[in-house]
PDB file of N, CA and C in Angstrom:
ATOM      1  N   MET A   1     115.766  88.332  60.741  1.00  0.00           N
ATOM      2  CA  MET A   1     116.458  87.631  60.059  1.00  0.00           C
ATOM      3  C   MET A   1     117.634  87.452  59.307  1.00  0.00           C
ATOM      4  N   LYS A   2     118.577  86.581  59.255  1.00  0.00           N
ATOM      5  CA  LYS A   2     119.723  86.469  59.101  1.00  0.00           C
ATOM      6  C   LYS A   2     119.700  86.582  57.081  1.00  0.00           C
ATOM      7  N   GLU A   3     120.834  87.228  56.437  1.00  0.00           N
ATOM      8  CA  GLU A   3     120.431  87.319  55.370  1.00  0.00           C
ATOM      9  C   GLU A   3     121.587  86.159  54.511  1.00  0.00           C
ATOM     10  N   PRO A   4     121.079  85.224  53.413  1.00  0.00           N
ATOM     11  CA  PRO A   4     121.945  84.274  53.297  1.00  0.00           C
ATOM     12  C   PRO A   4     123.180  84.790  52.702  1.00  0.00           C
ATOM     13  N   ASP A   5     124.184  83.596  52.733  1.00  0.00           N
ATOM     14  CA  ASP A   5     125.451  83.735  52.222  1.00  0.00           C
ATOM     15  C   ASP A   5     125.546  83.598  50.657  1.00  0.00           C
ATOM     16  N   VAL A   6     126.325  83.953  49.915  1.00  0.00           N
ATOM     17  CA  VAL A   6     126.280  83.709  48.379  1.00  0.00           C
ATOM     18  C   VAL A   6     126.225  82.664  47.908  1.00  0.00           C
ATOM     19  N   HIS A   7     126.634  81.542  48.787  1.00  0.00           N
ATOM     20  CA  HIS A   7     126.275  80.037  48.192  1.00  0.00           C
ATOM     21  C   HIS A   7     124.897  79.705  48.215  1.00  0.00           C
ATOM     22  N   THR A   8     124.174  80.100  49.304  1.00  0.00           N
ATOM     23  CA  THR A   8     122.953  79.851  49.607  1.00  0.00           C
ATOM     24  C   THR A   8     122.109  80.319  48.980  1.00  0.00           C
ATOM     25  N   LEU A   9     121.987  81.971  48.609  1.00  0.00           N
ATOM     26  CA  LEU A   9     121.385  82.750  47.896  1.00  0.00           C
ATOM     27  C   LEU A   9     121.638  82.012  46.187  1.00  0.00           C
ATOM     28  N   ILE A  10     122.530  81.665  45.683  1.00  0.00           N
ATOM     29  CA  ILE A  10     122.335  80.784  44.646  1.00  0.00           C
ATOM     30  C   ILE A  10     121.319  79.492  44.383  1.00  0.00           C
ATOM     31  N   THR A  11     121.570  78.697  45.654  1.00  0.00           N
ATOM     32  CA  THR A  11     120.959  77.369  45.367  1.00  0.00           C
ATOM     33  C   THR A  11     119.602  77.967  45.530  1.00  0.00           C
ATOM     34  N   GLU A  12     119.555  78.429  46.460  1.00  0.00           N
ATOM     35  CA  GLU A  12     117.793  79.061  46.424  1.00  0.00           C
ATOM     36  C   GLU A  12     117.179  79.644  45.542  1.00  0.00           C
ATOM     37  N   TRP A  13     117.819  80.320  44.391  1.00  0.00           N
ATOM     38  CA  TRP A  13     117.394  80.896  43.390  1.00  0.00           C
ATOM     39  C   TRP A  13     117.359  79.291  42.177  1.00  0.00           C
ATOM     40  N   ALA A  14     118.287  78.876  42.200  1.00  0.00           N
ATOM     41  CA  ALA A  14     117.999  77.538  41.163  1.00  0.00           C
ATOM     42  C   ALA A  14     116.988  76.733  41.663  1.00  0.00           C
ATOM     43  N   ARG A  15     116.820  76.398  42.937  1.00  0.00           N
ATOM     44  CA  ARG A  15     115.728  75.598  43.587  1.00  0.00           C
ATOM     45  C   ARG A  15     114.391  76.498  43.087  1.00  0.00           C
ATOM     46  N   ALA A  16     113.998  77.800  43.047  1.00  0.00           N
ATOM     47  CA  ALA A  16     112.503  78.676  42.877  1.00  0.00           C
ATOM     48  C   ALA A  16     112.524  78.374  41.579  1.00  0.00           C
ATOM     49  N   VAL A  17     113.429  78.324  40.612  1.00  0.00           N
ATOM     50  CA  VAL A  17     113.296  78.309  39.286  1.00  0.00           C
ATOM     51  C   VAL A  17     112.721  76.788  39.016  1.00  0.00           C
ATOM     52  N   GLN A  18     113.531  76.066  39.517  1.00  0.00           N
ATOM     53  CA  GLN A  18     112.860  74.621  39.200  1.00  0.00           C
ATOM     54  C   GLN A  18     111.347  74.344  39.853  1.00  0.00           C
ATOM     55  N   GLU A  19     110.720  74.789  40.845  1.00  0.00           N
ATOM     56  CA  GLU A  19     110.152  75.121  41.424  1.00  0.00           C
ATOM     57  C   GLU A  19     108.695  76.018  40.648  1.00  0.00           C
ATOM     58  N   GLU A  20     109.352  76.939  39.624  1.00  0.00           N
ATOM     59  CA  GLU A  20     108.366  77.829  39.071  1.00  0.00           C
ATOM     60  C   GLU A  20     108.052  78.998  40.292  1.00  0.00           C
ATOM     61  N   ASN A  21     108.654  79.346  41.083  1.00  0.00           N
ATOM     62  CA  ASN A  21     108.431  80.232  42.038  1.00  0.00           C
ATOM     63  C   ASN A  21     109.306  81.565  41.582  1.00  0.00           C
ATOM     64  N   LEU A  22     108.330  82.261  40.860  1.00  0.00           N
ATOM     65  CA  LEU A  22     108.826  83.374  40.622  1.00  0.00           C
ATOM     66  C   LEU A  22     109.306  84.356  41.742  1.00  0.00           C
ATOM     67  N   ASP A  23     108.771  84.971  42.600  1.00  0.00           N
ATOM     68  CA  ASP A  23     109.029  85.487  43.690  1.00  0.00           C
ATOM     69  C   ASP A  23     110.493  85.065  44.227  1.00  0.00           C
ATOM     70  N   GLY A  24     110.434  83.648  44.294  1.00  0.00           N
ATOM     71  CA  GLY A  24     111.862  82.929  44.900  1.00  0.00           C
ATOM     72  C   GLY A  24     113.223  83.455  43.388  1.00  0.00           C
ATOM     73  N   ALA A  25     112.591  83.375  42.522  1.00  0.00           N
ATOM     74  CA  ALA A  25     113.484  83.669  41.316  1.00  0.00           C
ATOM     75  C   ALA A  25     114.109  85.086  41.188  1.00  0.00           C
ATOM     76  N   LEU A  26     113.212  85.864  41.935  1.00  0.00           N
ATOM     77  CA  LEU A  26     113.515  87.320  41.745  1.00  0.00           C
ATOM     78  C   LEU A  26     114.304  88.105  43.003  1.00  0.00           C
ATOM     79  N   ALA A  27     113.816  87.427  44.205  1.00  0.00           N
ATOM     80  CA  ALA A  27     114.624  87.742  45.303  1.00  0.00           C
ATOM     81  C   ALA A  27     116.299  87.881  45.163  1.00  0.00           C
ATOM     82  N   HIS A  28     116.521  88.782  45.977  1.00  0.00           N
ATOM     83  CA  HIS A  28     117.949  89.145  46.035  1.00  0.00           C
ATOM     84  C   HIS A  28     118.557  89.612  44.556  1.00  0.00           C
ATOM     85  N   HIS A  29     117.750  90.108  43.567  1.00  0.00           N
ATOM     86  CA  HIS A  29     118.021  90.591  42.664  1.00  0.00           C
ATOM     87  C   HIS A  29     118.134  92.121  42.643  1.00  0.00           C
ATOM     88  N   SER A  30     118.943  92.671  41.844  1.00  0.00           N
ATOM     89  CA  SER A  30     118.948  94.174  42.102  1.00  0.00           C
ATOM     90  C   SER A  30     118.047  94.885  40.751  1.00  0.00           C
ATOM     91  N   ASP A  31     117.858  96.096  41.069  1.00  0.00           N
ATOM     92  CA  ASP A  31     116.482  96.609  40.434  1.00  0.00           C
ATOM     93  C   ASP A  31     117.219  96.933  38.841  1.00  0.00           C
ATOM     94  N   ASP A  32     118.805  96.850  38.862  1.00  0.00           N
ATOM     95  CA  ASP A  32     119.071  97.027  37.587  1.00  0.00           C
ATOM     96  C   ASP A  32     120.207  96.134  37.161  1.00  0.00           C
ATOM     97  N   ILE A  33     119.710  94.877  37.487  1.00  0.00           N
ATOM     98  CA  ILE A  33     119.801  93.399  37.284  1.00  0.00           C
ATOM     99  C   ILE A  33     119.918  93.722  35.417  1.00  0.00           C
ATOM    100  N   VAL A  34     121.209  93.100  34.982  1.00  0.00           N
ATOM    101  CA  VAL A  34     121.424  92.745  33.454  1.00  0.00           C
ATOM    102  C   VAL A  34     121.640  91.131  33.643  1.00  0.00           C
ATOM    103  N   MET A  35     120.886  90.706  32.613  1.00  0.00           N
ATOM    104  CA  MET A  35     121.053  89.054  32.142  1.00  0.00           C
ATOM    105  C   MET A  35     121.195  88.856  30.726  1.00  0.00           C
ATOM    106  N   PHE A  36     122.119  87.961  30.466  1.00  0.00           N
ATOM    107  CA  PHE A  36     122.287  87.471  29.012  1.00  0.00           C
ATOM    108  C   PHE A  36     121.941  86.217  29.185  1.00  0.00           C
ATOM    109  N   ASP A  37     120.911  85.979  28.480  1.00  0.00           N
ATOM    110  CA  ASP A  37     120.191  84.337  28.439  1.00  0.00           C
ATOM    111  C   ASP A  37     120.673  83.966  27.130  1.00  0.00           C
ATOM    112  N   VAL A  38     120.237  82.589  27.250  1.00  0.00           N
ATOM    113  CA  VAL A  38     120.596  81.920  25.858  1.00  0.00           C
ATOM    114  C   VAL A  38     119.448  82.516  25.066  1.00  0.00           C
ATOM    115  N   PRO A  39     118.174  82.580  24.969  1.00  0.00           N
ATOM    116  CA  PRO A  39     117.421  82.829  24.181  1.00  0.00           C
ATOM    117  C   PRO A  39     117.508  84.449  24.001  1.00  0.00           C
ATOM    118  N   ALA A  40     116.809  84.848  22.853  1.00  0.00           N
ATOM    119  CA  ALA A  40     116.964  86.241  22.676  1.00  0.00           C
ATOM    120  C   ALA A  40     116.094  87.249  23.879  1.00  0.00           C
ATOM    121  N   PRO A  41     116.615  88.278  23.969  1.00  0.00           N
ATOM    122  CA  PRO A  41     117.184  89.477  23.321  1.00  0.00           C
ATOM    123  C   PRO A  41     118.536  89.369  23.278  1.00  0.00           C
ATOM    124  N   GLU A  42     119.466  89.425  22.402  1.00  0.00           N
ATOM    125  CA  GLU A  42     121.058  89.585  22.338  1.00  0.00           C
ATOM    126  C   GLU A  42     121.305  90.640  23.692  1.00  0.00           C
ATOM    127  N   GLN A  43     121.099  91.608  23.289  1.00  0.00           N
ATOM    128  CA  GLN A  43     121.330  92.737  24.052  1.00  0.00           C
ATOM    129  C   GLN A  43     121.107  92.359  25.631  1.00  0.00           C
ATOM    130  N   GLY A  44     120.370  91.229  25.956  1.00  0.00           N
ATOM    131  CA  GLY A  44     119.978  91.132  27.309  1.00  0.00           C
ATOM    132  C   GLY A  44     118.944  91.563  27.575  1.00  0.00           C
ATOM    133  N   ARG A  45     118.560  91.152  29.199  1.00  0.00           N
ATOM    134  CA  ARG A  45     117.509  91.548  30.035  1.00  0.00           C
ATOM    135  C   ARG A  45     117.922  92.691  30.768  1.00  0.00           C
ATOM    136  N   ARG A  46     117.116  93.708  30.674  1.00  0.00           N
ATOM    137  CA  ARG A  46     117.713  94.757  31.751  1.00  0.00           C
ATOM    138  C   ARG A  46     116.754  95.528  32.775  1.00  0.00           C
ATOM    139  N   GLY A  47     116.679  95.290  34.011  1.00  0.00           N
ATOM    140  CA  GLY A  47     115.935  95.526  34.868  1.00  0.00           C
ATOM    141  C   GLY A  47     115.290  94.730  35.578  1.00  0.00           C
ATOM    142  N   LEU A  48     114.846  94.793  36.766  1.00  0.00           N
ATOM    143  CA  LEU A  48     114.186  93.865  37.275  1.00  0.00           C
ATOM    144  C   LEU A  48     113.063  93.363  36.769  1.00  0.00           C
ATOM    145  N   ASN A  49     112.016  94.612  36.042  1.00  0.00           N
ATOM    146  CA  ASN A  49     110.740  94.080  35.521  1.00  0.00           C
ATOM    147  C   ASN A  49     111.056  93.460  34.117  1.00  0.00           C
ATOM    148  N   ASP A  50     111.964  93.523  33.155  1.00  0.00           N
ATOM    149  CA  ASP A  50     112.360  92.826  32.153  1.00  0.00           C
ATOM    150  C   ASP A  50     113.144  91.392  32.626  1.00  0.00           C
ATOM    151  N   TYR A  51     113.540  91.540  33.399  1.00  0.00           N
ATOM    152  CA  TYR A  51     114.116  89.946  34.185  1.00  0.00           C
ATOM    153  C   TYR A  51     112.960  89.228  34.012  1.00  0.00           C
ATOM    154  N   ALA A  52     112.043  89.600  35.029  1.00  0.00           N
ATOM    155  CA  ALA A  52     111.022  88.793  35.746  1.00  0.00           C
ATOM    156  C   ALA A  52     109.642  88.229  34.565  1.00  0.00           C
ATOM    157  N   ALA A  53     109.902  89.017  33.434  1.00  0.00           N
ATOM    158  CA  ALA A  53     109.318  89.029  32.257  1.00  0.00           C
ATOM    159  C   ALA A  53     110.009  87.553  31.489  1.00  0.00           C
ATOM    160  N   SER A  54     111.190  87.327  31.501  1.00  0.00           N
ATOM    161  CA  SER A  54     111.535  86.049  31.212  1.00  0.00           C
ATOM    162  C   SER A  54     111.610  84.757  31.485  1.00  0.00           C
ATOM    163  N   TRP A  55     111.003  85.061  32.768  1.00  0.00           N
ATOM    164  CA  TRP A  55     110.931  83.592  33.509  1.00  0.00           C
ATOM    165  C   TRP A  55     109.324  82.907  33.266  1.00  0.00           C
ATOM    166  N   PRO A  56     108.117  83.645  33.104  1.00  0.00           N
ATOM    167  CA  PRO A  56     106.999  82.604  32.971  1.00  0.00           C
ATOM    168  C   PRO A  56     107.391  81.607  31.749  1.00  0.00           C
ATOM    169  N   PRO A  57     107.810  81.781  30.636  1.00  0.00           N
ATOM    170  CA  PRO A  57     108.057  80.954  29.038  1.00  0.00           C
ATOM    171  C   PRO A  57     109.133  79.893  29.943  1.00  0.00           C
ATOM    172  N   PHE A  58     110.019  80.310  30.691  1.00  0.00           N
ATOM    173  CA  PHE A  58     110.713  79.199  31.143  1.00  0.00           C
ATOM    174  C   PHE A  58     110.061  78.183  32.024  1.00  0.00           C
ATOM    175  N   PHE A  59     109.161  78.687  32.897  1.00  0.00           N
ATOM    176  CA  PHE A  59     108.653  77.777  33.744  1.00  0.00           C
ATOM    177  C   PHE A  59     107.536  76.774  33.096  1.00  0.00           C
ATOM    178  N   GLY A  60     107.394  77.281  31.777  1.00  0.00           N
ATOM    179  CA  GLY A  60     106.134  76.902  30.688  1.00  0.00           C
ATOM    180  C   GLY A  60     107.059  75.628  30.494  1.00  0.00           C
ATOM    181  N   TRP A  61     108.353  75.704  30.279  1.00  0.00           N
ATOM    182  CA  TRP A  61     109.007  74.675  29.913  1.00  0.00           C
ATOM    183  C   TRP A  61     109.392  73.753  30.829  1.00  0.00           C
ATOM    184  N   VAL A  62     109.725  74.241  31.769  1.00  0.00           N
ATOM    185  CA  VAL A  62     110.104  73.047  33.069  1.00  0.00           C
ATOM    186  C   VAL A  62     108.868  72.417  33.586  1.00  0.00           C
ATOM    187  N   ARG A  63     107.462  72.759  33.319  1.00  0.00           N
ATOM    188  CA  ARG A  63     106.145  72.034  33.744  1.00  0.00           C
ATOM    189  C   ARG A  63     106.301  70.730  32.586  1.00  0.00           C
ATOM    190  N   THR A  64     107.357  70.709  31.398  1.00  0.00           N
ATOM    191  CA  THR A  64     107.133  69.515  30.619  1.00  0.00           C
ATOM    192  C   THR A  64     108.071  68.679  31.023  1.00  0.00           C
ATOM    193  N   GLY A  65     108.577  68.605  32.416  1.00  0.00           N
ATOM    194  CA  GLY A  65     109.424  67.894  32.931  1.00  0.00           C
ATOM    195  C   GLY A  65     110.971  68.178  33.091  1.00  0.00           C
ATOM    196  N   ALA A  66     111.327  69.362  32.437  1.00  0.00           N
ATOM    197  CA  ALA A  66     112.651  69.819  32.467  1.00  0.00           C
ATOM    198  C   ALA A  66     113.272  70.229  33.803  1.00  0.00           C
ATOM    199  N   ARG A  67     114.309  69.786  33.898  1.00  0.00           N
ATOM    200  CA  ARG A  67     115.429  70.040  35.154  1.00  0.00           C
ATOM    201  C   ARG A  67     116.143  71.067  35.070  1.00  0.00           C
ATOM    202  N   PHE A  68     116.585  71.634  36.121  1.00  0.00           N
ATOM    203  CA  PHE A  68     117.322  72.910  36.548  1.00  0.00           C
ATOM    204  C   PHE A  68     117.882  72.704  37.722  1.00  0.00           C
ATOM    205  N   GLU A  69     119.050  72.250  37.708  1.00  0.00           N
ATOM    206  CA  GLU A  69     119.701  71.559  38.629  1.00  0.00           C
ATOM    207  C   GLU A  69     121.431  71.760  39.039  1.00  0.00           C
ATOM    208  N   ILE A  70     121.861  72.628  39.963  1.00  0.00           N
ATOM    209  CA  ILE A  70     123.110  72.940  40.155  1.00  0.00           C
ATOM    210  C   ILE A  70     124.050  71.760  40.121  1.00  0.00           C
ATOM    211  N   THR A  71     124.906  71.162  39.777  1.00  0.00           N
ATOM    212  CA  THR A  71     126.027  69.999  39.854  1.00  0.00           C
ATOM    213  C   THR A  71     127.408  70.989  39.890  1.00  0.00           C
ATOM    214  N   GLU A  72     127.581  71.646  40.212  1.00  0.00           N
ATOM    215  CA  GLU A  72     128.792  72.351  40.431  1.00  0.00           C
ATOM    216  C   GLU A  72     128.590  74.174  40.459  1.00  0.00           C
ATOM    217  N   LEU A  73     129.032  74.237  41.474  1.00  0.00           N
ATOM    218  CA  LEU A  73     129.178  75.645  41.974  1.00  0.00           C
ATOM    219  C   LEU A  73     130.036  76.513  42.791  1.00  0.00           C
ATOM    220  N   HIS A  74     130.918  77.412  42.551  1.00  0.00           N
ATOM    221  CA  HIS A  74     132.031  78.368  42.821  1.00  0.00           C
ATOM    222  C   HIS A  74     131.579  79.496  42.960  1.00  0.00           C
ATOM    223  N   VAL A  75     132.121  80.298  44.375  1.00  0.00           N
ATOM    224  CA  VAL A  75     131.942  81.377  44.714  1.00  0.00           C
ATOM    225  C   VAL A  75     132.942  82.182  45.193  1.00  0.00           C
ATOM    226  N   GLU A  76     133.262  83.339  44.730  1.00  0.00           N
ATOM    227  CA  GLU A  76     134.118  84.156  45.983  1.00  0.00           C
ATOM    228  C   GLU A  76     133.662  85.607  45.624  1.00  0.00           C
ATOM    229  N   HIS A  77     134.357  86.036  46.684  1.00  0.00           N
ATOM    230  CA  HIS A  77     133.524  87.408  47.014  1.00  0.00           C
ATOM    231  C   HIS A  77     134.538  88.207  48.067  1.00  0.00           C
ATOM    232  N   GLY A  78     134.714  89.483  47.961  1.00  0.00           N
ATOM    233  CA  GLY A  78     134.883  90.049  49.147  1.00  0.00           C
ATOM    234  C   GLY A  78     134.009  90.954  49.861  1.00  0.00           C
ATOM    235  N   ARG A  79     134.364  91.859  50.435  1.00  0.00           N
ATOM    236  CA  ARG A  79     133.387  92.600  51.243  1.00  0.00           C
ATOM    237  C   ARG A  79     132.155  93.181  51.037  1.00  0.00           C
ATOM    238  N   ASP A  80     132.352  93.866  49.597  1.00  0.00           N
ATOM    239  CA  ASP A  80     131.216  94.496  48.711  1.00  0.00           C
ATOM    240  C   ASP A  80     130.892  93.622  47.312  1.00  0.00           C
ATOM    241  N   HIS A  81     131.589  93.165  47.003  1.00  0.00           N
ATOM    242  CA  HIS A  81     131.465  92.524  45.422  1.00  0.00           C
ATOM    243  C   HIS A  81     131.752  91.260  45.389  1.00  0.00           C
ATOM    244  N   GLY A  82     131.359  90.459  44.747  1.00  0.00           N
ATOM    245  CA  GLY A  82     131.635  88.603  44.312  1.00  0.00           C
ATOM    246  C   GLY A  82     131.055  88.462  42.742  1.00  0.00           C
ATOM    247  N   PHE A  83     131.834  87.194  42.634  1.00  0.00           N
ATOM    248  CA  PHE A  83     130.820  86.500  41.581  1.00  0.00           C
ATOM    249  C   PHE A  83     130.903  84.853  41.898  1.00  0.00           C
ATOM    250  N   ALA A  84     130.302  84.424  40.932  1.00  0.00           N
ATOM    251  CA  ALA A  84     129.802  82.819  41.068  1.00  0.00           C
ATOM    252  C   ALA A  84     130.144  82.330  39.892  1.00  0.00           C
ATOM    253  N   TRP A  85     130.165  81.372  39.432  1.00  0.00           N
ATOM    254  CA  TRP A  85     129.839  80.737  38.164  1.00  0.00           C
ATOM    255  C   TRP A  85     129.374  79.011  38.708  1.00  0.00           C
ATOM    256  N   ALA A  86     128.595  78.175  37.941  1.00  0.00           N
ATOM    257  CA  ALA A  86     127.707  77.453  38.085  1.00  0.00           C
ATOM    258  C   ALA A  86     127.667  76.527  36.870  1.00  0.00           C
ATOM    259  N   LEU A  87     127.371  75.201  36.885  1.00  0.00           N
ATOM    260  CA  LEU A  87     126.965  74.426  36.031  1.00  0.00           C
ATOM    261  C   LEU A  87     125.974  73.403  36.619  1.00  0.00           C
ATOM    262  N   LEU A  88     124.869  73.653  35.321  1.00  0.00           N
ATOM    263  CA  LEU A  88     123.392  72.960  35.770  1.00  0.00           C
ATOM    264  C   LEU A  88     123.312  71.814  34.861  1.00  0.00           C
ATOM    265  N   ARG A  89     122.412  70.916  35.449  1.00  0.00           N
ATOM    266  CA  ARG A  89     121.948  69.925  34.439  1.00  0.00           C
ATOM    267  C   ARG A  89     120.583  70.758  34.261  1.00  0.00           C
ATOM    268  N   CYS A  90     120.264  70.828  32.596  1.00  0.00           N
ATOM    269  CA  CYS A  90     119.364  71.967  32.262  1.00  0.00           C
ATOM    270  C   CYS A  90     118.852  71.141  31.322  1.00  0.00           C
ATOM    271  N   GLY A  91     117.496  70.712  30.975  1.00  0.00           N
ATOM    272  CA  GLY A  91     117.249  69.938  29.876  1.00  0.00           C
ATOM    273  C   GLY A  91     115.561  69.297  30.198  1.00  0.00           C
ATOM    274  N   THR A  92     115.160  68.795  29.061  1.00  0.00           N
ATOM    275  CA  THR A  92     114.330  67.771  29.590  1.00  0.00           C
ATOM    276  C   THR A  92     114.789  66.290  29.412  1.00  0.00           C
ATOM    277  N   PRO A  93     113.756  65.621  29.944  1.00  0.00           N
ATOM    278  CA  PRO A  93     114.583  63.844  30.172  1.00  0.00           C
ATOM    279  C   PRO A  93     115.029  63.276  28.968  1.00  0.00           C
ATOM    280  N   ASP A  94     114.290  63.814  27.814  1.00  0.00           N
ATOM    281  CA  ASP A  94     115.036  63.196  26.492  1.00  0.00           C
ATOM    282  C   ASP A  94     116.544  64.021  26.215  1.00  0.00           C
ATOM    283  N   ASP A  95     116.480  65.271  26.613  1.00  0.00           N
ATOM    284  CA  ASP A  95     117.704  66.106  26.425  1.00  0.00           C
ATOM    285  C   ASP A  95     118.609  65.596  27.305  1.00  0.00           C
ATOM    286  N   LEU A  96     118.389  65.097  28.406  1.00  0.00           N
ATOM    287  CA  LEU A  96     119.238  64.747  29.516  1.00  0.00           C
ATOM    288  C   LEU A  96     119.848  63.586  28.968  1.00  0.00           C
ATOM    289  N   ALA A  97     118.608  62.429  28.911  1.00  0.00           N
ATOM    290  CA  ALA A  97     119.076  61.361  28.098  1.00  0.00           C
ATOM    291  C   ALA A  97     120.396  61.027  26.913  1.00  0.00           C
ATOM    292  N   GLN A  98     119.915  61.988  26.008  1.00  0.00           N
ATOM    293  CA  GLN A  98     120.539  62.206  24.586  1.00  0.00           C
ATOM    294  C   GLN A  98     122.122  62.650  24.969  1.00  0.00           C
ATOM    295  N   ASN A  99     122.090  63.657  25.594  1.00  0.00           N
ATOM    296  CA  ASN A  99     123.373  64.510  25.917  1.00  0.00           C
ATOM    297  C   ASN A  99     123.640  64.390  27.650  1.00  0.00           C
ATOM    298  N   PRO A 100     123.664  63.440  28.472  1.00  0.00           N
ATOM    299  CA  PRO A 100     124.020  63.821  29.736  1.00  0.00           C
ATOM    300  C   PRO A 100     124.722  64.496  30.313  1.00  0.00           C
ATOM    301  N   GLU A 101     125.850  64.166  29.875  1.00  0.00           N
ATOM    302  CA  GLU A 101     127.229  65.404  30.637  1.00  0.00           C
ATOM    303  C   GLU A 101     126.895  66.885  29.753  1.00  0.00           C
ATOM    304  N   ARG A 102     126.060  67.293  29.238  1.00  0.00           N
ATOM    305  CA  ARG A 102     126.004  68.748  28.939  1.00  0.00           C
ATOM    306  C   ARG A 102     125.293  69.550  30.057  1.00  0.00           C
ATOM    307  N   ARG A 103     125.846  70.799  30.288  1.00  0.00           N
ATOM    308  CA  ARG A 103     125.559  71.495  31.236  1.00  0.00           C
ATOM    309  C   ARG A 103     125.643  73.078  30.843  1.00  0.00           C
ATOM    310  N   LEU A 104     124.434  73.497  31.345  1.00  0.00           N
ATOM    311  CA  LEU A 104     124.178  75.002  31.051  1.00  0.00           C
ATOM    312  C   LEU A 104     125.455  75.490  32.104  1.00  0.00           C
ATOM    313  N   ARG A 105     125.783  76.769  31.704  1.00  0.00           N
ATOM    314  CA  ARG A 105     126.669  77.145  32.269  1.00  0.00           C
ATOM    315  C   ARG A 105     126.098  78.604  32.942  1.00  0.00           C
ATOM    316  N   LEU A 106     126.573  79.336  33.898  1.00  0.00           N
ATOM    317  CA  LEU A 106     125.920  80.302  34.474  1.00  0.00           C
ATOM    318  C   LEU A 106     127.401  81.065  35.191  1.00  0.00           C
ATOM    319  N   SER A 107     127.220  82.528  35.188  1.00  0.00           N
ATOM    320  CA  SER A 107     127.973  83.331  35.886  1.00  0.00           C
ATOM    321  C   SER A 107     127.141  84.828  36.369  1.00  0.00           C
ATOM    322  N   PHE A 108     127.591  84.917  38.104  1.00  0.00           N
ATOM    323  CA  PHE A 108     126.870  86.034  38.426  1.00  0.00           C
ATOM    324  C   PHE A 108     127.723  87.101  39.044  1.00  0.00           C
ATOM    325  N   GLY A 109     127.166  87.918  38.974  1.00  0.00           N
ATOM    326  CA  GLY A 109     127.862  89.223  39.458  1.00  0.00           C
ATOM    327  C   GLY A 109     127.313  89.707  40.495  1.00  0.00           C
ATOM    328  N   LEU A 110     127.691  89.827  41.615  1.00  0.00           N
ATOM    329  CA  LEU A 110     126.920  90.370  42.913  1.00  0.00           C
ATOM    330  C   LEU A 110     127.529  91.419  43.556  1.00  0.00           C
ATOM    331  N   ARG A 111     126.889  92.740  44.424  1.00  0.00           N
ATOM    332  CA  ARG A 111     127.050  93.354  45.308  1.00  0.00           C
ATOM    333  C   ARG A 111     126.430  93.594  46.489  1.00  0.00           C
ATOM    334  N   ARG A 112     127.029  93.753  47.674  1.00  0.00           N
ATOM    335  CA  ARG A 112     126.523  93.627  48.783  1.00  0.00           C
ATOM    336  C   ARG A 112     125.810  95.354  49.061  1.00  0.00           C
ATOM    337  N   ARG A 113     124.731  95.406  49.198  1.00  0.00           N
ATOM    338  CA  ARG A 113     123.995  97.015  49.282  1.00  0.00           C
ATOM    339  C   ARG A 113     123.444  96.538  50.932  1.00  0.00           C
ATOM    340  N   GLU A 114     123.859  97.757  51.746  1.00  0.00           N
ATOM    341  CA  GLU A 114     123.148  97.756  53.021  1.00  0.00           C
ATOM    342  C   GLU A 114     123.278  96.654  53.725  1.00  0.00           C
ATOM    343  N   GLY A 115     124.256  95.774  53.539  1.00  0.00           N
ATOM    344  CA  GLY A 115     124.602  94.387  54.348  1.00  0.00           C
ATOM    345  C   GLY A 115     123.571  92.924  53.759  1.00  0.00           C
ATOM    346  N   THR A 116     123.353  93.464  52.398  1.00  0.00           N
ATOM    347  CA  THR A 116     122.298  92.528  51.474  1.00  0.00           C
ATOM    348  C   THR A 116     123.013  92.122  50.467  1.00  0.00           C
ATOM    349  N   TRP A 117     123.566  90.839  50.139  1.00  0.00           N
ATOM    350  CA  TRP A 117     123.571  90.683  48.783  1.00  0.00           C
ATOM    351  C   TRP A 117     122.965  90.622  47.801  1.00  0.00           C
ATOM    352  N   GLN A 118     122.909  91.257  46.547  1.00  0.00           N
ATOM    353  CA  GLN A 118     121.808  91.466  45.436  1.00  0.00           C
ATOM    354  C   GLN A 118     122.850  90.554  43.947  1.00  0.00           C
ATOM    355  N   ILE A 119     122.278  89.839  43.610  1.00  0.00           N
ATOM    356  CA  ILE A 119     122.682  89.669  42.116  1.00  0.00           C
ATOM    357  C   ILE A 119     122.607  90.727  40.932  1.00  0.00           C
ATOM    358  N   SER A 120     123.691  91.566  40.286  1.00  0.00           N
ATOM    359  CA  SER A 120     123.235  92.662  39.451  1.00  0.00           C
ATOM    360  C   SER A 120     123.743  92.029  37.772  1.00  0.00           C
ATOM    361  N   HIS A 121     124.726  90.951  38.153  1.00  0.00           N
ATOM    362  CA  HIS A 121     124.678  90.607  36.643  1.00  0.00           C
ATOM    363  C   HIS A 121     124.601  89.021  36.601  1.00  0.00           C
ATOM    364  N   GLU A 122     123.683  88.414  35.536  1.00  0.00           N
ATOM    365  CA  GLU A 122     123.759  87.187  35.224  1.00  0.00           C
ATOM    366  C   GLU A 122     124.228  86.925  33.792  1.00  0.00           C
ATOM    367  N   HIS A 123     124.649  85.346  33.687  1.00  0.00           N
ATOM    368  CA  HIS A 123     124.982  85.243  32.285  1.00  0.00           C
ATOM    369  C   HIS A 123     124.786  83.488  31.987  1.00  0.00           C
ATOM    370  N   HIS A 124     123.690  83.243  31.205  1.00  0.00           N
ATOM    371  CA  HIS A 124     123.722  82.024  31.097  1.00  0.00           C
ATOM    372  C   HIS A 124     123.934  81.274  29.808  1.00  0.00           C
ATOM    373  N   SER A 125     124.647  80.355  29.435  1.00  0.00           N
ATOM    374  CA  SER A 125     124.745  79.743  28.330  1.00  0.00           C
ATOM    375  C   SER A 125     125.418  78.618  27.758  1.00  0.00           C
ATOM    376  N   PHE A 126     124.949  77.992  26.752  1.00  0.00           N
ATOM    377  CA  PHE A 126     125.196  76.715  26.360  1.00  0.00           C
ATOM    378  C   PHE A 126     126.665  77.054  25.288  1.00  0.00           C
ATOM    379  N   THR A 127     127.264  75.600  25.181  1.00  0.00           N
ATOM    380  CA  THR A 127     128.107  75.722  24.308  1.00  0.00           C
ATOM    381  C   THR A 127     127.470  75.259  22.936  1.00  0.00           C
ATOM    382  N   HIS A 128     128.124  75.447  21.726  1.00  0.00           N
ATOM    383  CA  HIS A 128     126.802  74.797  20.313  1.00  0.00           C
ATOM    384  C   HIS A 128     127.223  73.797  20.385  1.00  0.00           C
ATOM    385  N   GLN A 129     126.263  73.052  19.814  1.00  0.00           N
ATOM    386  CA  GLN A 129     126.344  71.512  19.791  1.00  0.00           C
ATOM    387  C   GLN A 129     125.684  71.179  18.387  1.00  0.00           C
TER     388      GLN A 129
END
């Protein structure tokens, strides 16, 4: 099976989050992933198990009708390392109606290990409003 390129890997990850698919959200993440997210803890989520634990509460929020949709994605990578940033529509229908231009900002650090891209760093943020 051909491994996905970085752009495809990230778009599939976002789709998995929107579909509340935990296995898909965890796919292509390194065991030592570090994620800095909008909610606490401020020191981030560290390791795949801690990262996995962050998703069920978010999936509960998605079930309220919230959206998690990439609107812009930029990827750069070399042979073994890469980074990407994305902007997403992220919010409930009311959130998006009240502030349709607001975007969740994401950045990713990736490593290629044994021919496979792995996300080893994620950062999610909103601007203060």
